[in-house]
PDB file of N, CA and C in Angstrom:
ATOM      1  N   MET A   1     125.575  19.374 108.747  1.00  0.00           N
ATOM      2  CA  MET A   1     126.439  19.122 107.599  1.00  0.00           C
ATOM      3  C   MET A   1     127.726  18.447 108.078  1.00  0.00           C
ATOM      4  N   GLU A   2     128.057  17.325 107.475  1.00  0.00           N
ATOM      5  CA  GLU A   2     129.234  16.561 107.864  1.00  0.00           C
ATOM      6  C   GLU A   2     130.478  17.111 107.172  1.00  0.00           C
ATOM      7  N   ASN A   3     131.576  17.225 107.937  1.00  0.00           N
ATOM      8  CA  ASN A   3     132.838  17.680 107.356  1.00  0.00           C
ATOM      9  C   ASN A   3     133.446  16.578 106.502  1.00  0.00           C
ATOM     10  N   LYS A   4     133.953  16.956 105.360  1.00  0.00           N
ATOM     11  CA  LYS A   4     134.619  16.000 104.482  1.00  0.00           C
ATOM     12  C   LYS A   4     136.015  15.726 105.015  1.00  0.00           C
ATOM     13  N   LYS A   5     136.380  14.453 105.075  1.00  0.00           N
ATOM     14  CA  LYS A   5     137.707  14.090 105.550  1.00  0.00           C
ATOM     15  C   LYS A   5     138.759  14.391 104.491  1.00  0.00           C
ATOM     16  N   ILE A   6     139.948  14.678 104.956  1.00  0.00           N
ATOM     17  CA  ILE A   6     141.095  14.895 104.080  1.00  0.00           C
ATOM     18  C   ILE A   6     141.620  13.528 103.653  1.00  0.00           C
ATOM     19  N   ARG A   7     141.677  13.295 102.363  1.00  0.00           N
ATOM     20  CA  ARG A   7     142.198  12.023 101.845  1.00  0.00           C
ATOM     21  C   ARG A   7     143.721  12.105 101.850  1.00  0.00           C
ATOM     22  N   ALA A   8     144.341  11.285 102.701  1.00  0.00           N
ATOM     23  CA  ALA A   8     145.789  11.378 102.905  1.00  0.00           C
ATOM     24  C   ALA A   8     146.482  10.058 102.577  1.00  0.00           C
ATOM     25  N   CYS A   9     147.713  10.188 102.092  1.00  0.00           N
ATOM     26  CA  CYS A   9     148.534   9.019 101.799  1.00  0.00           C
ATOM     27  C   CYS A   9     149.919   9.232 102.394  1.00  0.00           C
ATOM     28  N   ALA A  10     150.741   8.218 102.248  1.00  0.00           N
ATOM     29  CA  ALA A  10     152.138   8.315 102.670  1.00  0.00           C
ATOM     30  C   ALA A  10     153.013   7.821 101.531  1.00  0.00           C
ATOM     31  N   TYR A  11     154.224   8.368 101.472  1.00  0.00           N
ATOM     32  CA  TYR A  11     155.224   7.869 100.532  1.00  0.00           C
ATOM     33  C   TYR A  11     156.426   7.415 101.334  1.00  0.00           C
ATOM     34  N   CYS A  12     156.809   6.170 101.153  1.00  0.00           N
ATOM     35  CA  CYS A  12     157.950   5.604 101.871  1.00  0.00           C
ATOM     36  C   CYS A  12     158.979   5.122 100.854  1.00  0.00           C
ATOM     37  N   ARG A  13     160.253   5.203 101.249  1.00  0.00           N
ATOM     38  CA  ARG A  13     161.319   4.825 100.331  1.00  0.00           C
ATOM     39  C   ARG A  13     162.534   4.355 101.101  1.00  0.00           C
ATOM     40  N   VAL A  14     163.189   3.345 100.571  1.00  0.00           N
ATOM     41  CA  VAL A  14     164.524   2.966 101.040  1.00  0.00           C
ATOM     42  C   VAL A  14     165.433   2.991  99.820  1.00  0.00           C
ATOM     43  N   SER A  15     166.684   3.359 100.041  1.00  0.00           N
ATOM     44  CA  SER A  15     167.576   3.624  98.908  1.00  0.00           C
ATOM     45  C   SER A  15     168.234   2.382  98.329  1.00  0.00           C
ATOM     46  N   THR A  16     168.161   1.261  99.012  1.00  0.00           N
ATOM     47  CA  THR A  16     168.749   0.040  98.455  1.00  0.00           C
ATOM     48  C   THR A  16     167.713  -1.066  98.486  1.00  0.00           C
ATOM     49  N   ALA A  17     167.959  -2.078  97.699  1.00  0.00           N
ATOM     50  CA  ALA A  17     167.065  -3.237  97.671  1.00  0.00           C
ATOM     51  C   ALA A  17     167.505  -4.285  98.690  1.00  0.00           C
ATOM     52  N   SER A  18     168.393  -3.906  99.577  1.00  0.00           N
ATOM     53  CA  SER A  18     168.944  -4.811 100.581  1.00  0.00           C
ATOM     54  C   SER A  18     167.866  -5.344 101.517  1.00  0.00           C
ATOM     55  N   ASP A  19     167.975  -6.619 101.859  1.00  0.00           N
ATOM     56  CA  ASP A  19     167.035  -7.226 102.802  1.00  0.00           C
ATOM     57  C   ASP A  19     167.052  -6.515 104.147  1.00  0.00           C
ATOM     58  N   THR A  20     168.196  -5.944 104.521  1.00  0.00           N
ATOM     59  CA  THR A  20     168.293  -5.278 105.822  1.00  0.00           C
ATOM     60  C   THR A  20     167.442  -4.022 105.871  1.00  0.00           C
ATOM     61  N   GLN A  21     167.153  -3.422 104.722  1.00  0.00           N
ATOM     62  CA  GLN A  21     166.328  -2.221 104.717  1.00  0.00           C
ATOM     63  C   GLN A  21     164.841  -2.528 104.574  1.00  0.00           C
ATOM     64  N   ASP A  22     164.493  -3.780 104.284  1.00  0.00           N
ATOM     65  CA  ASP A  22     163.079  -4.137 104.190  1.00  0.00           C
ATOM     66  C   ASP A  22     162.346  -3.823 105.486  1.00  0.00           C
ATOM     67  N   GLY A  23     162.989  -4.092 106.622  1.00  0.00           N
ATOM     68  CA  GLY A  23     162.373  -3.796 107.912  1.00  0.00           C
ATOM     69  C   GLY A  23     162.125  -2.315 108.083  1.00  0.00           C
ATOM     70  N   SER A  24     163.062  -1.496 107.635  1.00  0.00           N
ATOM     71  CA  SER A  24     162.912  -0.046 107.716  1.00  0.00           C
ATOM     72  C   SER A  24     161.731   0.416 106.872  1.00  0.00           C
ATOM     73  N   PHE A  25     161.600  -0.147 105.695  1.00  0.00           N
ATOM     74  CA  PHE A  25     160.503   0.208 104.810  1.00  0.00           C
ATOM     75  C   PHE A  25     159.165  -0.145 105.461  1.00  0.00           C
ATOM     76  N   GLU A  26     159.071  -1.337 105.995  1.00  0.00           N
ATOM     77  CA  GLU A  26     157.835  -1.774 106.650  1.00  0.00           C
ATOM     78  C   GLU A  26     157.498  -0.896 107.846  1.00  0.00           C
ATOM     79  N   VAL A  27     158.504  -0.531 108.633  1.00  0.00           N
ATOM     80  CA  VAL A  27     158.287   0.331 109.799  1.00  0.00           C
ATOM     81  C   VAL A  27     157.758   1.691 109.356  1.00  0.00           C
ATOM     82  N   GLN A  28     158.342   2.250 108.293  1.00  0.00           N
ATOM     83  CA  GLN A  28     157.866   3.531 107.767  1.00  0.00           C
ATOM     84  C   GLN A  28     156.394   3.436 107.363  1.00  0.00           C
ATOM     85  N   CYS A  29     156.062   2.409 106.605  1.00  0.00           N
ATOM     86  CA  CYS A  29     154.689   2.238 106.115  1.00  0.00           C
ATOM     87  C   CYS A  29     153.703   2.102 107.266  1.00  0.00           C
ATOM     88  N   GLU A  30     154.035   1.269 108.234  1.00  0.00           N
ATOM     89  CA  GLU A  30     153.155   1.061 109.382  1.00  0.00           C
ATOM     90  C   GLU A  30     152.986   2.347 110.190  1.00  0.00           C
ATOM     91  N   TYR A  31     154.075   3.079 110.389  1.00  0.00           N
ATOM     92  CA  TYR A  31     154.021   4.320 111.155  1.00  0.00           C
ATOM     93  C   TYR A  31     153.043   5.319 110.518  1.00  0.00           C
ATOM     94  N   TYR A  32     153.194   5.553 109.223  1.00  0.00           N
ATOM     95  CA  TYR A  32     152.350   6.547 108.566  1.00  0.00           C
ATOM     96  C   TYR A  32     150.902   6.096 108.455  1.00  0.00           C
ATOM     97  N   GLU A  33     150.676   4.812 108.260  1.00  0.00           N
ATOM     98  CA  GLU A  33     149.298   4.321 108.233  1.00  0.00           C
ATOM     99  C   GLU A  33     148.625   4.551 109.587  1.00  0.00           C
ATOM    100  N   ARG A  34     149.333   4.224 110.679  1.00  0.00           N
ATOM    101  CA  ARG A  34     148.782   4.465 112.030  1.00  0.00           C
ATOM    102  C   ARG A  34     148.560   5.955 112.271  1.00  0.00           C
ATOM    103  N   LEU A  35     149.511   6.774 111.869  1.00  0.00           N
ATOM    104  CA  LEU A  35     149.420   8.215 112.081  1.00  0.00           C
ATOM    105  C   LEU A  35     148.189   8.799 111.379  1.00  0.00           C
ATOM    106  N   ILE A  36     148.022   8.459 110.132  1.00  0.00           N
ATOM    107  CA  ILE A  36     146.886   8.989 109.370  1.00  0.00           C
ATOM    108  C   ILE A  36     145.573   8.442 109.925  1.00  0.00           C
ATOM    109  N   ASN A  37     145.527   7.143 110.198  1.00  0.00           N
ATOM    110  CA  ASN A  37     144.296   6.548 110.714  1.00  0.00           C
ATOM    111  C   ASN A  37     143.918   7.069 112.102  1.00  0.00           C
ATOM    112  N   SER A  38     144.891   7.594 112.843  1.00  0.00           N
ATOM    113  CA  SER A  38     144.596   8.100 114.188  1.00  0.00           C
ATOM    114  C   SER A  38     143.995   9.505 114.162  1.00  0.00           C
ATOM    115  N   ASP A  39     144.007  10.151 113.016  1.00  0.00           N
ATOM    116  CA  ASP A  39     143.465  11.506 112.899  1.00  0.00           C
ATOM    117  C   ASP A  39     142.034  11.428 112.376  1.00  0.00           C
ATOM    118  N   PRO A  40     141.063  11.804 113.190  1.00  0.00           N
ATOM    119  CA  PRO A  40     139.663  11.685 112.771  1.00  0.00           C
ATOM    120  C   PRO A  40     139.291  12.586 111.585  1.00  0.00           C
ATOM    121  N   GLU A  41     140.140  13.538 111.263  1.00  0.00           N
ATOM    122  CA  GLU A  41     139.867  14.420 110.128  1.00  0.00           C
ATOM    123  C   GLU A  41     140.436  13.884 108.816  1.00  0.00           C
ATOM    124  N   MET A  42     141.127  12.738 108.902  1.00  0.00           N
ATOM    125  CA  MET A  42     141.772  12.189 107.709  1.00  0.00           C
ATOM    126  C   MET A  42     141.209  10.825 107.346  1.00  0.00           C
ATOM    127  N   GLU A  43     141.257  10.553 106.052  1.00  0.00           N
ATOM    128  CA  GLU A  43     140.915   9.239 105.520  1.00  0.00           C
ATOM    129  C   GLU A  43     142.174   8.675 104.870  1.00  0.00           C
ATOM    130  N   PHE A  44     142.606   7.509 105.320  1.00  0.00           N
ATOM    131  CA  PHE A  44     143.811   6.874 104.789  1.00  0.00           C
ATOM    132  C   PHE A  44     143.505   6.271 103.422  1.00  0.00           C
ATOM    133  N   VAL A  45     144.252   6.703 102.391  1.00  0.00           N
ATOM    134  CA  VAL A  45     144.018   6.181 101.048  1.00  0.00           C
ATOM    135  C   VAL A  45     145.130   5.257 100.566  1.00  0.00           C
ATOM    136  N   GLY A  46     146.183   5.111 101.368  1.00  0.00           N
ATOM    137  CA  GLY A  46     147.204   4.142 101.005  1.00  0.00           C
ATOM    138  C   GLY A  46     148.621   4.633 101.182  1.00  0.00           C
ATOM    139  N   VAL A  47     149.538   3.678 100.964  1.00  0.00           N
ATOM    140  CA  VAL A  47     150.968   3.953 101.031  1.00  0.00           C
ATOM    141  C   VAL A  47     151.549   3.695  99.649  1.00  0.00           C
ATOM    142  N   TYR A  48     152.351   4.613  99.208  1.00  0.00           N
ATOM    143  CA  TYR A  48     153.113   4.464  97.977  1.00  0.00           C
ATOM    144  C   TYR A  48     154.560   4.272  98.409  1.00  0.00           C
ATOM    145  N   GLY A  49     155.281   3.389  97.741  1.00  0.00           N
ATOM    146  CA  GLY A  49     156.649   3.180  98.188  1.00  0.00           C
ATOM    147  C   GLY A  49     157.551   2.595  97.138  1.00  0.00           C
ATOM    148  N   ASP A  50     158.799   3.027  97.168  1.00  0.00           N
ATOM    149  CA  ASP A  50     159.815   2.553  96.242  1.00  0.00           C
ATOM    150  C   ASP A  50     160.965   1.917  97.015  1.00  0.00           C
ATOM    151  N   HIS A  51     161.345   0.724  96.591  1.00  0.00           N
ATOM    152  CA  HIS A  51     162.499   0.020  97.144  1.00  0.00           C
ATOM    153  C   HIS A  51     163.702   0.241  96.244  1.00  0.00           C
ATOM    154  N   GLY A  52     164.839   0.481  96.843  1.00  0.00           N
ATOM    155  CA  GLY A  52     166.076   0.546  96.084  1.00  0.00           C
ATOM    156  C   GLY A  52     166.165   1.691  95.106  1.00  0.00           C
ATOM    157  N   LYS A  53     165.526   2.793  95.433  1.00  0.00           N
ATOM    158  CA  LYS A  53     165.548   3.952  94.540  1.00  0.00           C
ATOM    159  C   LYS A  53     166.234   5.127  95.220  1.00  0.00           C
ATOM    160  N   SER A  54     167.091   5.775  94.498  1.00  0.00           N
ATOM    161  CA  SER A  54     167.773   6.955  95.004  1.00  0.00           C
ATOM    162  C   SER A  54     166.770   8.073  95.260  1.00  0.00           C
ATOM    163  N   GLY A  55     167.061   8.872  96.270  1.00  0.00           N
ATOM    164  CA  GLY A  55     166.218  10.016  96.560  1.00  0.00           C
ATOM    165  C   GLY A  55     166.621  11.260  95.784  1.00  0.00           C
ATOM    166  N   ARG A  56     167.654  11.168  94.980  1.00  0.00           N
ATOM    167  CA  ARG A  56     168.177  12.335  94.271  1.00  0.00           C
ATOM    168  C   ARG A  56     167.391  12.699  93.025  1.00  0.00           C
ATOM    169  N   LYS A  57     166.753  11.707  92.397  1.00  0.00           N
ATOM    170  CA  LYS A  57     166.052  11.974  91.138  1.00  0.00           C
ATOM    171  C   LYS A  57     164.688  11.298  91.149  1.00  0.00           C
ATOM    172  N   MET A  58     163.754  11.861  90.396  1.00  0.00           N
ATOM    173  CA  MET A  58     162.416  11.287  90.300  1.00  0.00           C
ATOM    174  C   MET A  58     162.343  10.189  89.249  1.00  0.00           C
ATOM    175  N   TYR A  59     163.314  10.161  88.365  1.00  0.00           N
ATOM    176  CA  TYR A  59     163.325   9.176  87.292  1.00  0.00           C
ATOM    177  C   TYR A  59     163.304   7.762  87.878  1.00  0.00           C
ATOM    178  N   ASN A  60     162.479   6.928  87.321  1.00  0.00           N
ATOM    179  CA  ASN A  60     162.396   5.512  87.686  1.00  0.00           C
ATOM    180  C   ASN A  60     161.861   5.267  89.094  1.00  0.00           C
ATOM    181  N   ARG A  61     161.216   6.247  89.694  1.00  0.00           N
ATOM    182  CA  ARG A  61     160.566   6.054  90.987  1.00  0.00           C
ATOM    183  C   ARG A  61     159.061   5.928  90.709  1.00  0.00           C
ATOM    184  N   GLU A  62     158.679   4.717  90.305  1.00  0.00           N
ATOM    185  CA  GLU A  62     157.331   4.465  89.817  1.00  0.00           C
ATOM    186  C   GLU A  62     156.250   4.859  90.817  1.00  0.00           C
ATOM    187  N   GLU A  63     156.430   4.492  92.063  1.00  0.00           N
ATOM    188  CA  GLU A  63     155.404   4.771  93.073  1.00  0.00           C
ATOM    189  C   GLU A  63     155.292   6.267  93.375  1.00  0.00           C
ATOM    190  N   LEU A  64     156.405   6.957  93.402  1.00  0.00           N
ATOM    191  CA  LEU A  64     156.358   8.402  93.618  1.00  0.00           C
ATOM    192  C   LEU A  64     155.594   9.068  92.477  1.00  0.00           C
ATOM    193  N   ASN A  65     155.907   8.666  91.270  1.00  0.00           N
ATOM    194  CA  ASN A  65     155.236   9.250  90.119  1.00  0.00           C
ATOM    195  C   ASN A  65     153.753   8.874  90.069  1.00  0.00           C
ATOM    196  N   ARG A  66     153.412   7.664  90.504  1.00  0.00           N
ATOM    197  CA  ARG A  66     152.005   7.261  90.571  1.00  0.00           C
ATOM    198  C   ARG A  66     151.264   8.088  91.613  1.00  0.00           C
ATOM    199  N   MET A  67     151.928   8.347  92.756  1.00  0.00           N
ATOM    200  CA  MET A  67     151.319   9.166  93.795  1.00  0.00           C
ATOM    201  C   MET A  67     151.074  10.597  93.286  1.00  0.00           C
ATOM    202  N   ILE A  68     152.044  11.163  92.610  1.00  0.00           N
ATOM    203  CA  ILE A  68     151.892  12.517  92.063  1.00  0.00           C
ATOM    204  C   ILE A  68     150.728  12.555  91.077  1.00  0.00           C
ATOM    205  N   LYS A  69     150.631  11.563  90.226  1.00  0.00           N
ATOM    206  CA  LYS A  69     149.525  11.488  89.268  1.00  0.00           C
ATOM    207  C   LYS A  69     148.185  11.391  89.994  1.00  0.00           C
ATOM    208  N   ASP A  70     148.118  10.569  91.052  1.00  0.00           N
ATOM    209  CA  ASP A  70     146.874  10.454  91.822  1.00  0.00           C
ATOM    210  C   ASP A  70     146.512  11.780  92.482  1.00  0.00           C
ATOM    211  N   CYS A  71     147.514  12.532  92.922  1.00  0.00           N
ATOM    212  CA  CYS A  71     147.253  13.875  93.476  1.00  0.00           C
ATOM    213  C   CYS A  71     146.695  14.784  92.389  1.00  0.00           C
ATOM    214  N   GLU A  72     147.328  14.775  91.238  1.00  0.00           N
ATOM    215  CA  GLU A  72     146.863  15.608  90.118  1.00  0.00           C
ATOM    216  C   GLU A  72     145.457  15.233  89.673  1.00  0.00           C
ATOM    217  N   ASP A  73     145.118  13.951  89.797  1.00  0.00           N
ATOM    218  CA  ASP A  73     143.794  13.462  89.409  1.00  0.00           C
ATOM    219  C   ASP A  73     142.734  13.683  90.497  1.00  0.00           C
ATOM    220  N   GLY A  74     143.143  14.300  91.615  1.00  0.00           N
ATOM    221  CA  GLY A  74     142.192  14.619  92.676  1.00  0.00           C
ATOM    222  C   GLY A  74     141.841  13.464  93.595  1.00  0.00           C
ATOM    223  N   LYS A  75     142.642  12.412  93.606  1.00  0.00           N
ATOM    224  CA  LYS A  75     142.378  11.252  94.456  1.00  0.00           C
ATOM    225  C   LYS A  75     142.947  11.415  95.861  1.00  0.00           C
ATOM    226  N   ILE A  76     143.877  12.356  96.019  1.00  0.00           N
ATOM    227  CA  ILE A  76     144.594  12.557  97.281  1.00  0.00           C
ATOM    228  C   ILE A  76     144.604  14.050  97.587  1.00  0.00           C
ATOM    229  N   ASP A  77     144.350  14.386  98.855  1.00  0.00           N
ATOM    230  CA  ASP A  77     144.402  15.784  99.289  1.00  0.00           C
ATOM    231  C   ASP A  77     145.723  16.121  99.982  1.00  0.00           C
ATOM    232  N   ALA A  78     146.278  15.152 100.689  1.00  0.00           N
ATOM    233  CA  ALA A  78     147.503  15.423 101.478  1.00  0.00           C
ATOM    234  C   ALA A  78     148.383  14.192 101.510  1.00  0.00           C
TER     235      ALA A  78
END
């Protein structure tokens, strides 16, 4: 019997829409994709990310809310 892999995603965010933070956002996304893909017990299902969004509130953080919905819909385990 084969073990089912854990479907995992990452959420990345930078607080400003500044071009200087684009590199930080990309580094975050690449790091988590490599991390998840390096674990044989996990299946990478994607990166969700918001640019220029405050971390203080969930309002208007479209990708965070989409990720939560995908978790609720059973598309993501971790």
